[in-house]
Amino acid sequence: MLRGGVAGTLFVIALAAWVLGELATIARNRRYAEGGRDPTYLVMVAGWAGGIAGSIVLANNVTSASITGGRTWPAALGLAILVAGLAFRWWSIVTLGRYFTHSLSIQEGQQVVEDGPYAMLRHPSYTGQMIAFVGLGVALDNWLALAVAVLLPLVAVLVRIRAEEASLHQELGDAYRSYSARTRRLVPRVW
């Protein structure tokens, strides 16, 4: 587990930037969200919170699961992966613009966005999120922490994608079906 020092400080800064960035997008997009409560939003929050908190608790308490035996390079590599994932997520959010919301909602006049990362992937913000969670687990230098950091959010993302795609197919129709035929969900050329 990262304890103090430069790596620990950078880790805390990266986590704080991640959380503050998510809170900022929630506040910014609240004015665009329509409709009632979205149950998949709660699933996403639980997956994120479980992934972050669970991985940190495991890294602090199960030292026998260390990946490298306490070396420094996993912290640097993990933080670089985490920041890259966040950058990809934020690029996706900025590209989607006012159509990005944390709740499942289709805006009036919404079109299929195919620019930037959406040219390759239907859900690049989730791809960026999952890359960030991999970075979190690697930075913690603990196999169990890495598994929890990835698996809990991944389950939440899969639930969310299923509901989101059903909504997009229903609301955007043939345009979204055509777009879906040309793009992958989370991993280019794979799925």
N, C-alpha and C. Protein backbone atom coordinates (compact mmCIF):
# COMPACT_ATOMS: atom_id res chain seq x y z
N MET A 1 0.84 -1.19 0.00
CA MET A 1 0.00 0.00 0.00
C MET A 1 0.88 1.24 0.00
N LEU A 2 0.45 2.26 -0.69
CA LEU A 2 1.18 3.51 -0.74
C LEU A 2 1.05 4.23 0.60
N ARG A 3 2.17 4.48 1.23
CA ARG A 3 2.16 5.16 2.52
C ARG A 3 3.10 6.36 2.46
N GLY A 4 2.50 7.54 2.48
CA GLY A 4 3.30 8.76 2.52
C GLY A 4 4.19 8.92 1.30
N GLY A 5 5.14 9.81 1.43
CA GLY A 5 6.09 10.06 0.36
C GLY A 5 5.44 10.64 -0.88
N VAL A 6 6.23 10.76 -1.92
CA VAL A 6 5.76 11.34 -3.17
C VAL A 6 4.67 10.47 -3.78
N ALA A 7 4.89 9.15 -3.82
CA ALA A 7 3.90 8.25 -4.43
C ALA A 7 2.57 8.31 -3.69
N GLY A 8 2.62 8.30 -2.38
CA GLY A 8 1.39 8.38 -1.60
C GLY A 8 0.65 9.69 -1.81
N THR A 9 1.40 10.78 -1.87
CA THR A 9 0.80 12.10 -2.11
C THR A 9 0.16 12.17 -3.49
N LEU A 10 0.88 11.69 -4.51
CA LEU A 10 0.33 11.69 -5.87
C LEU A 10 -0.90 10.79 -5.97
N PHE A 11 -0.89 9.69 -5.24
CA PHE A 11 -2.03 8.78 -5.23
C PHE A 11 -3.27 9.49 -4.67
N VAL A 12 -3.10 10.18 -3.56
CA VAL A 12 -4.22 10.91 -2.95
C VAL A 12 -4.69 12.02 -3.89
N ILE A 13 -3.77 12.73 -4.52
CA ILE A 13 -4.14 13.79 -5.46
C ILE A 13 -4.92 13.21 -6.64
N ALA A 14 -4.46 12.08 -7.17
CA ALA A 14 -5.16 11.46 -8.31
C ALA A 14 -6.56 11.02 -7.91
N LEU A 15 -6.70 10.40 -6.75
CA LEU A 15 -8.04 9.99 -6.29
C LEU A 15 -8.94 11.20 -6.06
N ALA A 16 -8.39 12.25 -5.47
CA ALA A 16 -9.18 13.46 -5.23
C ALA A 16 -9.61 14.10 -6.55
N ALA A 17 -8.70 14.15 -7.52
CA ALA A 17 -9.05 14.71 -8.84
C ALA A 17 -10.15 13.88 -9.49
N TRP A 18 -10.07 12.58 -9.35
CA TRP A 18 -11.08 11.69 -9.91
C TRP A 18 -12.45 11.97 -9.31
N VAL A 19 -12.50 11.97 -7.98
CA VAL A 19 -13.78 12.19 -7.29
C VAL A 19 -14.31 13.60 -7.58
N LEU A 20 -13.45 14.61 -7.50
CA LEU A 20 -13.90 15.98 -7.78
C LEU A 20 -14.36 16.13 -9.23
N GLY A 21 -13.67 15.47 -10.15
CA GLY A 21 -14.09 15.51 -11.55
C GLY A 21 -15.47 14.90 -11.74
N GLU A 22 -15.73 13.80 -11.07
CA GLU A 22 -17.06 13.17 -11.16
C GLU A 22 -18.12 14.06 -10.54
N LEU A 23 -17.82 14.63 -9.40
CA LEU A 23 -18.78 15.53 -8.74
C LEU A 23 -19.06 16.76 -9.61
N ALA A 24 -18.03 17.26 -10.27
CA ALA A 24 -18.22 18.42 -11.16
C ALA A 24 -19.12 18.07 -12.33
N THR A 25 -18.94 16.87 -12.91
CA THR A 25 -19.81 16.49 -14.03
C THR A 25 -21.24 16.26 -13.57
N ILE A 26 -21.41 15.77 -12.35
CA ILE A 26 -22.77 15.60 -11.82
C ILE A 26 -23.43 16.96 -11.67
N ALA A 27 -22.70 17.90 -11.08
CA ALA A 27 -23.26 19.25 -10.88
C ALA A 27 -23.54 19.94 -12.21
N ARG A 28 -22.62 19.82 -13.16
CA ARG A 28 -22.77 20.47 -14.46
C ARG A 28 -23.94 19.89 -15.25
N ASN A 29 -24.12 18.62 -15.16
CA ASN A 29 -25.13 17.96 -15.98
C ASN A 29 -26.48 17.79 -15.31
N ARG A 30 -26.57 18.18 -14.08
CA ARG A 30 -27.85 18.08 -13.38
C ARG A 30 -28.95 18.86 -14.11
N ARG A 31 -28.56 19.97 -14.70
CA ARG A 31 -29.55 20.80 -15.40
C ARG A 31 -30.05 20.15 -16.68
N TYR A 32 -29.30 19.17 -17.22
CA TYR A 32 -29.74 18.50 -18.45
C TYR A 32 -30.50 17.21 -18.18
N ALA A 33 -30.33 16.64 -17.00
CA ALA A 33 -30.96 15.35 -16.70
C ALA A 33 -32.46 15.50 -16.64
N GLU A 34 -33.12 14.52 -17.19
CA GLU A 34 -34.58 14.51 -17.18
C GLU A 34 -35.04 13.18 -16.61
N GLY A 35 -36.27 13.12 -16.23
CA GLY A 35 -36.85 11.86 -15.77
C GLY A 35 -36.57 11.60 -14.31
N GLY A 36 -37.00 10.42 -13.88
CA GLY A 36 -36.89 10.04 -12.48
C GLY A 36 -35.54 9.45 -12.15
N ARG A 37 -35.50 8.82 -11.01
CA ARG A 37 -34.27 8.20 -10.55
C ARG A 37 -33.90 7.02 -11.42
N ASP A 38 -32.63 6.86 -11.65
CA ASP A 38 -32.10 5.78 -12.47
C ASP A 38 -31.46 4.74 -11.55
N PRO A 39 -32.04 3.53 -11.44
CA PRO A 39 -31.47 2.54 -10.53
C PRO A 39 -30.05 2.11 -10.91
N THR A 40 -29.69 2.21 -12.19
CA THR A 40 -28.33 1.82 -12.55
C THR A 40 -27.30 2.83 -12.04
N TYR A 41 -27.74 4.04 -11.76
CA TYR A 41 -26.83 5.03 -11.16
C TYR A 41 -26.37 4.55 -9.78
N LEU A 42 -27.30 3.99 -9.02
CA LEU A 42 -26.94 3.46 -7.69
C LEU A 42 -26.01 2.26 -7.82
N VAL A 43 -26.22 1.44 -8.84
CA VAL A 43 -25.33 0.31 -9.09
C VAL A 43 -23.92 0.82 -9.41
N MET A 44 -23.85 1.88 -10.23
CA MET A 44 -22.55 2.45 -10.58
C MET A 44 -21.84 3.03 -9.34
N VAL A 45 -22.58 3.76 -8.52
CA VAL A 45 -21.98 4.33 -7.31
C VAL A 45 -21.48 3.22 -6.40
N ALA A 46 -22.27 2.17 -6.22
CA ALA A 46 -21.86 1.04 -5.37
C ALA A 46 -20.61 0.36 -5.95
N GLY A 47 -20.58 0.17 -7.27
CA GLY A 47 -19.41 -0.46 -7.90
C GLY A 47 -18.16 0.38 -7.74
N TRP A 48 -18.29 1.68 -7.95
CA TRP A 48 -17.14 2.58 -7.79
C TRP A 48 -16.66 2.61 -6.34
N ALA A 49 -17.60 2.85 -5.43
CA ALA A 49 -17.23 2.96 -4.02
C ALA A 49 -16.62 1.65 -3.53
N GLY A 50 -17.24 0.53 -3.92
CA GLY A 50 -16.71 -0.77 -3.52
C GLY A 50 -15.34 -1.02 -4.11
N GLY A 51 -15.14 -0.63 -5.36
CA GLY A 51 -13.84 -0.83 -6.00
C GLY A 51 -12.75 -0.01 -5.35
N ILE A 52 -13.05 1.25 -5.08
CA ILE A 52 -12.03 2.11 -4.47
C ILE A 52 -11.78 1.72 -3.01
N ALA A 53 -12.85 1.72 -2.21
CA ALA A 53 -12.68 1.43 -0.78
C ALA A 53 -12.17 0.01 -0.55
N GLY A 54 -12.77 -0.95 -1.25
CA GLY A 54 -12.37 -2.35 -1.06
C GLY A 54 -10.91 -2.59 -1.41
N SER A 55 -10.47 -1.99 -2.51
CA SER A 55 -9.07 -2.21 -2.91
C SER A 55 -8.10 -1.56 -1.92
N ILE A 56 -8.45 -0.40 -1.41
CA ILE A 56 -7.57 0.26 -0.44
C ILE A 56 -7.52 -0.53 0.86
N VAL A 57 -8.68 -1.00 1.33
CA VAL A 57 -8.72 -1.80 2.57
C VAL A 57 -7.89 -3.08 2.39
N LEU A 58 -8.08 -3.77 1.27
CA LEU A 58 -7.31 -5.00 1.04
C LEU A 58 -5.82 -4.72 0.96
N ALA A 59 -5.42 -3.68 0.26
CA ALA A 59 -4.00 -3.36 0.14
C ALA A 59 -3.39 -3.04 1.50
N ASN A 60 -4.17 -2.44 2.38
CA ASN A 60 -3.67 -2.10 3.72
C ASN A 60 -3.61 -3.30 4.65
N ASN A 61 -4.49 -4.28 4.43
CA ASN A 61 -4.63 -5.36 5.41
C ASN A 61 -4.17 -6.74 4.95
N VAL A 62 -3.97 -6.94 3.67
CA VAL A 62 -3.53 -8.24 3.17
C VAL A 62 -2.21 -8.06 2.43
N THR A 63 -1.16 -7.84 3.21
CA THR A 63 0.14 -7.55 2.62
C THR A 63 0.74 -8.77 1.94
N SER A 64 0.27 -9.97 2.25
CA SER A 64 0.80 -11.18 1.61
C SER A 64 0.42 -11.26 0.14
N ALA A 65 -0.51 -10.42 -0.32
CA ALA A 65 -0.94 -10.44 -1.73
C ALA A 65 -0.19 -9.42 -2.58
N SER A 66 0.92 -8.92 -2.08
CA SER A 66 1.70 -7.93 -2.84
C SER A 66 2.13 -8.51 -4.19
N ILE A 67 2.07 -7.69 -5.21
CA ILE A 67 2.47 -8.11 -6.55
C ILE A 67 4.00 -8.17 -6.65
N THR A 68 4.68 -7.17 -6.11
CA THR A 68 6.13 -7.06 -6.28
C THR A 68 6.92 -7.11 -4.98
N GLY A 69 6.25 -7.30 -3.86
CA GLY A 69 6.97 -7.30 -2.59
C GLY A 69 7.31 -5.92 -2.08
N GLY A 70 6.54 -4.93 -2.47
CA GLY A 70 6.72 -3.59 -1.94
C GLY A 70 7.65 -2.70 -2.74
N ARG A 71 7.90 -3.02 -3.98
CA ARG A 71 8.76 -2.17 -4.80
C ARG A 71 8.03 -0.89 -5.18
N THR A 72 8.78 0.06 -5.73
CA THR A 72 8.22 1.37 -6.03
C THR A 72 7.57 1.47 -7.40
N TRP A 73 8.03 0.72 -8.37
CA TRP A 73 7.55 0.90 -9.75
C TRP A 73 6.05 0.69 -9.91
N PRO A 74 5.38 -0.21 -9.16
CA PRO A 74 3.93 -0.33 -9.38
C PRO A 74 3.18 0.97 -9.08
N ALA A 75 3.66 1.74 -8.12
CA ALA A 75 3.00 3.01 -7.80
C ALA A 75 3.08 3.95 -9.00
N ALA A 76 4.26 4.08 -9.58
CA ALA A 76 4.43 4.97 -10.73
C ALA A 76 3.64 4.48 -11.93
N LEU A 77 3.73 3.20 -12.22
CA LEU A 77 3.00 2.63 -13.36
C LEU A 77 1.49 2.74 -13.14
N GLY A 78 1.04 2.38 -11.95
CA GLY A 78 -0.39 2.44 -11.63
C GLY A 78 -0.94 3.85 -11.73
N LEU A 79 -0.20 4.83 -11.22
CA LEU A 79 -0.65 6.22 -11.30
C LEU A 79 -0.70 6.69 -12.75
N ALA A 80 0.26 6.28 -13.56
CA ALA A 80 0.25 6.66 -14.98
C ALA A 80 -0.97 6.05 -15.68
N ILE A 81 -1.29 4.80 -15.38
CA ILE A 81 -2.46 4.15 -15.97
C ILE A 81 -3.74 4.83 -15.49
N LEU A 82 -3.80 5.13 -14.20
CA LEU A 82 -4.98 5.80 -13.64
C LEU A 82 -5.21 7.15 -14.31
N VAL A 83 -4.17 7.94 -14.45
CA VAL A 83 -4.30 9.27 -15.07
C VAL A 83 -4.68 9.13 -16.54
N ALA A 84 -4.11 8.15 -17.23
CA ALA A 84 -4.47 7.94 -18.64
C ALA A 84 -5.94 7.57 -18.76
N GLY A 85 -6.42 6.72 -17.87
CA GLY A 85 -7.83 6.34 -17.89
C GLY A 85 -8.74 7.53 -17.63
N LEU A 86 -8.36 8.35 -16.64
CA LEU A 86 -9.16 9.54 -16.35
C LEU A 86 -9.16 10.51 -17.52
N ALA A 87 -8.01 10.68 -18.17
CA ALA A 87 -7.93 11.58 -19.32
C ALA A 87 -8.83 11.09 -20.45
N PHE A 88 -8.85 9.78 -20.68
CA PHE A 88 -9.70 9.22 -21.72
C PHE A 88 -11.18 9.39 -21.35
N ARG A 89 -11.50 9.18 -20.08
CA ARG A 89 -12.88 9.37 -19.62
C ARG A 89 -13.30 10.83 -19.80
N TRP A 90 -12.47 11.77 -19.38
CA TRP A 90 -12.83 13.18 -19.47
C TRP A 90 -12.92 13.64 -20.93
N TRP A 91 -12.07 13.11 -21.79
CA TRP A 91 -12.16 13.40 -23.23
C TRP A 91 -13.52 12.93 -23.75
N SER A 92 -13.93 11.76 -23.32
CA SER A 92 -15.24 11.23 -23.73
C SER A 92 -16.37 12.11 -23.24
N ILE A 93 -16.30 12.55 -22.01
CA ILE A 93 -17.35 13.39 -21.42
C ILE A 93 -17.41 14.73 -22.16
N VAL A 94 -16.26 15.34 -22.42
CA VAL A 94 -16.22 16.62 -23.13
C VAL A 94 -16.76 16.45 -24.55
N THR A 95 -16.41 15.36 -25.20
CA THR A 95 -16.89 15.11 -26.57
C THR A 95 -18.40 14.97 -26.60
N LEU A 96 -18.95 14.27 -25.63
CA LEU A 96 -20.40 14.07 -25.59
C LEU A 96 -21.11 15.36 -25.20
N GLY A 97 -20.43 16.22 -24.46
CA GLY A 97 -20.98 17.53 -24.10
C GLY A 97 -22.24 17.44 -23.28
N ARG A 98 -23.25 18.21 -23.64
CA ARG A 98 -24.48 18.29 -22.85
C ARG A 98 -25.25 16.98 -22.81
N TYR A 99 -24.92 16.05 -23.72
CA TYR A 99 -25.61 14.76 -23.72
C TYR A 99 -25.08 13.83 -22.64
N PHE A 100 -23.94 14.17 -22.03
CA PHE A 100 -23.42 13.32 -20.96
C PHE A 100 -24.15 13.61 -19.66
N THR A 101 -24.72 12.58 -19.09
CA THR A 101 -25.31 12.68 -17.75
C THR A 101 -24.98 11.40 -17.00
N HIS A 102 -25.04 11.47 -15.70
CA HIS A 102 -24.80 10.27 -14.89
C HIS A 102 -26.04 9.39 -14.82
N SER A 103 -27.19 9.95 -15.08
CA SER A 103 -28.41 9.15 -15.09
C SER A 103 -28.75 8.82 -16.54
N LEU A 104 -29.46 7.73 -16.73
CA LEU A 104 -29.88 7.36 -18.07
C LEU A 104 -30.98 8.30 -18.51
N SER A 105 -30.66 9.14 -19.46
CA SER A 105 -31.66 10.05 -20.01
C SER A 105 -31.22 10.46 -21.41
N ILE A 106 -32.20 10.55 -22.28
CA ILE A 106 -31.96 11.01 -23.64
C ILE A 106 -32.48 12.44 -23.72
N GLN A 107 -31.64 13.34 -24.21
CA GLN A 107 -32.02 14.75 -24.31
C GLN A 107 -32.87 14.99 -25.55
N GLU A 108 -33.73 15.97 -25.47
CA GLU A 108 -34.53 16.34 -26.63
C GLU A 108 -33.60 16.77 -27.76
N GLY A 109 -33.81 16.21 -28.94
CA GLY A 109 -32.99 16.54 -30.09
C GLY A 109 -31.64 15.83 -30.11
N GLN A 110 -31.43 14.90 -29.20
CA GLN A 110 -30.14 14.23 -29.13
C GLN A 110 -29.87 13.41 -30.39
N GLN A 111 -28.65 13.49 -30.85
CA GLN A 111 -28.18 12.74 -32.01
C GLN A 111 -27.10 11.76 -31.55
N VAL A 112 -26.81 10.78 -32.38
CA VAL A 112 -25.70 9.87 -32.10
C VAL A 112 -24.41 10.64 -32.30
N VAL A 113 -23.53 10.63 -31.30
CA VAL A 113 -22.24 11.31 -31.37
C VAL A 113 -21.21 10.29 -31.85
N GLU A 114 -20.50 10.63 -32.93
CA GLU A 114 -19.51 9.71 -33.49
C GLU A 114 -18.13 10.36 -33.60
N ASP A 115 -17.90 11.44 -32.86
CA ASP A 115 -16.62 12.14 -32.90
C ASP A 115 -15.70 11.62 -31.80
N GLY A 116 -14.43 11.98 -31.90
CA GLY A 116 -13.46 11.66 -30.86
C GLY A 116 -13.45 10.17 -30.54
N PRO A 117 -13.47 9.83 -29.26
CA PRO A 117 -13.40 8.42 -28.88
C PRO A 117 -14.66 7.64 -29.28
N TYR A 118 -15.75 8.36 -29.55
CA TYR A 118 -16.99 7.70 -29.95
C TYR A 118 -16.92 7.18 -31.39
N ALA A 119 -15.87 7.52 -32.12
CA ALA A 119 -15.68 6.96 -33.46
C ALA A 119 -15.31 5.48 -33.37
N MET A 120 -14.72 5.07 -32.24
CA MET A 120 -14.29 3.67 -32.05
C MET A 120 -15.18 2.90 -31.09
N LEU A 121 -15.65 3.59 -30.05
CA LEU A 121 -16.34 2.91 -28.95
C LEU A 121 -17.68 3.58 -28.65
N ARG A 122 -18.65 2.77 -28.24
CA ARG A 122 -19.95 3.32 -27.87
C ARG A 122 -19.94 3.86 -26.44
N HIS A 123 -19.06 3.35 -25.60
CA HIS A 123 -19.03 3.76 -24.19
C HIS A 123 -17.60 4.06 -23.73
N PRO A 124 -16.93 4.99 -24.40
CA PRO A 124 -15.53 5.25 -24.05
C PRO A 124 -15.34 5.82 -22.65
N SER A 125 -16.33 6.50 -22.10
CA SER A 125 -16.15 7.01 -20.74
C SER A 125 -16.04 5.85 -19.75
N TYR A 126 -16.76 4.76 -20.03
CA TYR A 126 -16.65 3.57 -19.17
C TYR A 126 -15.31 2.86 -19.39
N THR A 127 -14.82 2.89 -20.63
CA THR A 127 -13.50 2.33 -20.90
C THR A 127 -12.45 3.09 -20.09
N GLY A 128 -12.52 4.42 -20.15
CA GLY A 128 -11.58 5.23 -19.37
C GLY A 128 -11.69 4.96 -17.88
N GLN A 129 -12.92 4.82 -17.42
CA GLN A 129 -13.15 4.51 -16.00
C GLN A 129 -12.49 3.18 -15.64
N MET A 130 -12.66 2.16 -16.47
CA MET A 130 -12.09 0.86 -16.17
C MET A 130 -10.56 0.89 -16.23
N ILE A 131 -10.00 1.66 -17.16
CA ILE A 131 -8.55 1.82 -17.20
C ILE A 131 -8.07 2.46 -15.90
N ALA A 132 -8.80 3.47 -15.42
CA ALA A 132 -8.43 4.12 -14.16
C ALA A 132 -8.47 3.13 -13.00
N PHE A 133 -9.47 2.26 -12.97
CA PHE A 133 -9.54 1.26 -11.90
C PHE A 133 -8.39 0.26 -11.98
N VAL A 134 -7.97 -0.12 -13.19
CA VAL A 134 -6.79 -0.97 -13.32
C VAL A 134 -5.58 -0.25 -12.74
N GLY A 135 -5.43 1.03 -13.07
CA GLY A 135 -4.32 1.81 -12.52
C GLY A 135 -4.35 1.88 -11.01
N LEU A 136 -5.55 2.04 -10.45
CA LEU A 136 -5.69 2.06 -8.99
C LEU A 136 -5.17 0.76 -8.39
N GLY A 137 -5.60 -0.36 -8.95
CA GLY A 137 -5.16 -1.66 -8.42
C GLY A 137 -3.67 -1.88 -8.57
N VAL A 138 -3.11 -1.50 -9.72
CA VAL A 138 -1.67 -1.66 -9.93
C VAL A 138 -0.89 -0.77 -8.95
N ALA A 139 -1.33 0.46 -8.76
CA ALA A 139 -0.65 1.39 -7.85
C ALA A 139 -0.62 0.85 -6.42
N LEU A 140 -1.64 0.10 -6.05
CA LEU A 140 -1.70 -0.45 -4.69
C LEU A 140 -0.81 -1.67 -4.52
N ASP A 141 -0.25 -2.21 -5.62
CA ASP A 141 0.71 -3.31 -5.57
C ASP A 141 0.16 -4.52 -4.80
N ASN A 142 -1.07 -4.92 -5.14
CA ASN A 142 -1.71 -6.01 -4.40
C ASN A 142 -2.69 -6.71 -5.34
N TRP A 143 -2.52 -8.02 -5.53
CA TRP A 143 -3.38 -8.77 -6.45
C TRP A 143 -4.84 -8.72 -6.05
N LEU A 144 -5.11 -8.88 -4.77
CA LEU A 144 -6.50 -8.84 -4.31
C LEU A 144 -7.10 -7.45 -4.51
N ALA A 145 -6.33 -6.43 -4.22
CA ALA A 145 -6.80 -5.06 -4.41
C ALA A 145 -7.08 -4.80 -5.89
N LEU A 146 -6.20 -5.30 -6.76
CA LEU A 146 -6.40 -5.14 -8.21
C LEU A 146 -7.68 -5.84 -8.65
N ALA A 147 -7.91 -7.05 -8.16
CA ALA A 147 -9.12 -7.79 -8.53
C ALA A 147 -10.38 -7.05 -8.10
N VAL A 148 -10.41 -6.56 -6.87
CA VAL A 148 -11.59 -5.83 -6.37
C VAL A 148 -11.75 -4.50 -7.10
N ALA A 149 -10.62 -3.82 -7.35
CA ALA A 149 -10.67 -2.53 -8.04
C ALA A 149 -11.24 -2.66 -9.45
N VAL A 150 -11.08 -3.80 -10.06
CA VAL A 150 -11.57 -3.99 -11.43
C VAL A 150 -12.93 -4.69 -11.45
N LEU A 151 -13.09 -5.74 -10.69
CA LEU A 151 -14.30 -6.56 -10.80
C LEU A 151 -15.57 -5.87 -10.33
N LEU A 152 -15.53 -5.19 -9.20
CA LEU A 152 -16.76 -4.52 -8.71
C LEU A 152 -17.24 -3.44 -9.67
N PRO A 153 -16.36 -2.53 -10.11
CA PRO A 153 -16.82 -1.54 -11.09
C PRO A 153 -17.22 -2.17 -12.43
N LEU A 154 -16.54 -3.24 -12.84
CA LEU A 154 -16.88 -3.88 -14.11
C LEU A 154 -18.30 -4.45 -14.09
N VAL A 155 -18.67 -5.09 -13.01
CA VAL A 155 -20.04 -5.60 -12.89
C VAL A 155 -21.03 -4.45 -13.03
N ALA A 156 -20.76 -3.35 -12.35
CA ALA A 156 -21.64 -2.18 -12.42
C ALA A 156 -21.72 -1.63 -13.84
N VAL A 157 -20.59 -1.53 -14.52
CA VAL A 157 -20.55 -1.02 -15.89
C VAL A 157 -21.35 -1.93 -16.82
N LEU A 158 -21.23 -3.24 -16.65
CA LEU A 158 -21.96 -4.15 -17.51
C LEU A 158 -23.47 -4.03 -17.32
N VAL A 159 -23.90 -3.85 -16.07
CA VAL A 159 -25.32 -3.62 -15.80
C VAL A 159 -25.76 -2.32 -16.47
N ARG A 160 -24.95 -1.29 -16.32
CA ARG A 160 -25.29 0.01 -16.87
C ARG A 160 -25.34 0.00 -18.40
N ILE A 161 -24.36 -0.64 -19.03
CA ILE A 161 -24.33 -0.68 -20.49
C ILE A 161 -25.58 -1.37 -21.04
N ARG A 162 -25.99 -2.44 -20.40
CA ARG A 162 -27.19 -3.14 -20.87
C ARG A 162 -28.40 -2.21 -20.86
N ALA A 163 -28.60 -1.50 -19.75
CA ALA A 163 -29.73 -0.58 -19.65
C ALA A 163 -29.57 0.60 -20.58
N GLU A 164 -28.37 1.13 -20.69
CA GLU A 164 -28.12 2.31 -21.53
C GLU A 164 -28.34 1.98 -23.00
N GLU A 165 -27.85 0.85 -23.44
CA GLU A 165 -28.03 0.50 -24.84
C GLU A 165 -29.50 0.25 -25.18
N ALA A 166 -30.24 -0.36 -24.27
CA ALA A 166 -31.68 -0.56 -24.51
C ALA A 166 -32.37 0.78 -24.70
N SER A 167 -32.03 1.73 -23.85
CA SER A 167 -32.62 3.06 -23.93
C SER A 167 -32.22 3.78 -25.22
N LEU A 168 -30.95 3.71 -25.58
CA LEU A 168 -30.48 4.37 -26.79
C LEU A 168 -31.08 3.75 -28.05
N HIS A 169 -31.20 2.44 -28.08
CA HIS A 169 -31.84 1.78 -29.23
C HIS A 169 -33.29 2.22 -29.36
N GLN A 170 -33.96 2.29 -28.23
CA GLN A 170 -35.38 2.68 -28.25
C GLN A 170 -35.56 4.13 -28.67
N GLU A 171 -34.76 5.02 -28.11
CA GLU A 171 -34.94 6.45 -28.35
C GLU A 171 -34.32 6.96 -29.65
N LEU A 172 -33.15 6.42 -30.02
CA LEU A 172 -32.46 6.93 -31.20
C LEU A 172 -32.64 6.03 -32.43
N GLY A 173 -33.24 4.88 -32.24
CA GLY A 173 -33.65 4.01 -33.34
C GLY A 173 -32.57 3.56 -34.29
N ASP A 174 -32.88 3.68 -35.59
CA ASP A 174 -31.99 3.17 -36.63
C ASP A 174 -30.61 3.83 -36.61
N ALA A 175 -30.55 5.09 -36.27
CA ALA A 175 -29.24 5.77 -36.21
C ALA A 175 -28.33 5.09 -35.19
N TYR A 176 -28.88 4.72 -34.05
CA TYR A 176 -28.05 4.05 -33.03
C TYR A 176 -27.77 2.61 -33.42
N ARG A 177 -28.73 1.93 -34.04
CA ARG A 177 -28.49 0.56 -34.50
C ARG A 177 -27.36 0.52 -35.52
N SER A 178 -27.35 1.47 -36.45
CA SER A 178 -26.29 1.55 -37.45
C SER A 178 -24.94 1.84 -36.79
N TYR A 179 -24.94 2.77 -35.85
CA TYR A 179 -23.72 3.11 -35.11
C TYR A 179 -23.22 1.89 -34.34
N SER A 180 -24.12 1.15 -33.71
CA SER A 180 -23.76 -0.05 -32.94
C SER A 180 -23.11 -1.11 -33.82
N ALA A 181 -23.56 -1.20 -35.05
CA ALA A 181 -23.01 -2.20 -35.97
C ALA A 181 -21.56 -1.87 -36.35
N ARG A 182 -21.18 -0.59 -36.27
CA ARG A 182 -19.83 -0.15 -36.67
C ARG A 182 -18.85 -0.04 -35.50
N THR A 183 -19.33 -0.06 -34.28
CA THR A 183 -18.45 0.20 -33.13
C THR A 183 -18.56 -0.91 -32.09
N ARG A 184 -17.61 -0.93 -31.20
CA ARG A 184 -17.59 -1.88 -30.07
C ARG A 184 -18.03 -1.14 -28.81
N ARG A 185 -18.35 -1.87 -27.79
CA ARG A 185 -18.82 -1.25 -26.55
C ARG A 185 -17.67 -0.63 -25.74
N LEU A 186 -16.73 -1.48 -25.29
CA LEU A 186 -15.69 -1.02 -24.36
C LEU A 186 -14.26 -1.18 -24.88
N VAL A 187 -14.04 -2.23 -25.65
CA VAL A 187 -12.67 -2.55 -26.08
C VAL A 187 -12.63 -2.58 -27.60
N PRO A 188 -11.83 -1.70 -28.21
CA PRO A 188 -11.78 -1.67 -29.68
C PRO A 188 -11.50 -3.05 -30.28
N ARG A 189 -12.28 -3.40 -31.28
CA ARG A 189 -12.13 -4.65 -32.04
C ARG A 189 -12.38 -5.91 -31.22
N VAL A 190 -12.82 -5.77 -29.97
CA VAL A 190 -13.06 -6.96 -29.14
C VAL A 190 -14.51 -7.02 -28.70
N TRP A 191 -14.95 -6.06 -27.91
CA TRP A 191 -16.33 -6.06 -27.37
C TRP A 191 -16.81 -4.66 -27.11
